[in-house]
Amino acid sequence: MKFPDMVHSLKPSPITNKQDPARVFDFFSNIPEATKMFTYLYSDKGTPAGYRNMDGSSVHAFKWVNAKGEVTYVKYTWKTVQGEKNLNAKEAEAQQAKDFQHATNDLYNAIAKGDFPKWELYVQMIKPEDLDKFDFYPLDATKDWPIDKLPLVKVGTMTLNRNAKNYFEEIEQLAFAPGSLVPGVEASEDKLLQGRLFSYFDTQRYRLGTNFQKIPVNAPKNTTANNYNQDGNFDNTATVSNVNYQPSNEAKTLKDDASYKQSERTYTNVTITRHKIDKPNDFAQAGELYRSFSKEMQDNLISNLVGDLKQASKEVQKKMITHFYLADRDYGMRLAKELGFTQADFMKN
């Protein structure tokens, strides 16, 4: 439920039509689970040198379901084969002054000359009975899964081996969605993912039309969709049938493939409710991330945060400093000093 409000805080002000750090931190000072995200974002890791040099994450956990219906929770991670490279604030400013679309140019030109970028896909896995063995809730989208406890297992490699022939047709009309899942992969109970399962399809129907899945870039490549859907705006198929529903006695009824099992969970004494995650542990991973940085990276992080936090109110600054202090004492103390706070300021009611 917080996701739309987060987006509103990041978008331009409805009054000035400008992005405003004061609005951003006004919102996030009340969202402590974002502490690690800010530690990433305001460090050099938050400014990749280009698309070819950045890793990726599924953010959410999903379920793998085998032929017996047994569940394994997984998180996906993409690792760039080109190596991770980032820019500090001065480097980013200099680069933007020369070419504000350098990341796009770098990717396009590399592919055009045959230097095809690659990413290796890894998964981390947790059995359902182990979900409660951590000091955080593994289905919390704001948390990473520790690699030392849940090692990365390589499952494949993605290679980008050509550029789009028509950018609008092949890129602008793409309709990725976390609900587009193949049999054997299911959505987890991740709160944020559950909301996105609906919202992405809804958004794409608004953006591209009710037949967005029939647009060539979104349609199956080696077969056709096996259903009785027809008509609607921009329908580009020549369907002539009186049966546009399923099941039917007049047409062959489509059956599920029995070789794929759906996961099952049996609940007794069920209560449906909405409540906060029981083990939020909002600050531990942020502190670990800060301590993993080099001194130069920590210095850049502090400088970047101070630059935007200075535009927030003193009350919001104090809240944010408290979050970072709870993540790591040195982290919070350095921010407090740079923003002109003393210990006495935090002793006041």
Foldseek 3Di string as FASTA:
>chain_A
DCVVVQVVLQAADPVPRHNALQSNLVVCLVVLLCLLVLLCCQFQVVAWPAPLQHKDWPLFWKWFQALVQFTKIKIKIKHWPVYHHGDFPVRLVVVCVVPVPVRVVVQQVCLVVFVKTKIWMWMWIDGPVCQPVDLARRRASSDDDDCVVTPTDTDGMDIDNHDDPDCCLQPVLDQDAPLPDDFRMGGDVRPVNVVRNPPSLVVSCVVPNPVSCPRVNNADDPDHDPALADDGPPTPDDDDDPDSDPDDPVDDHDDDDSSGDHHDDDDDPDDDDDDDGPNSVSQQVSLVSLVVDDPVSNVSSLVSVLVNCLSHDPVSLVSSLVSLCVNPVVSSVSNCVSSPHDPVVVVDD
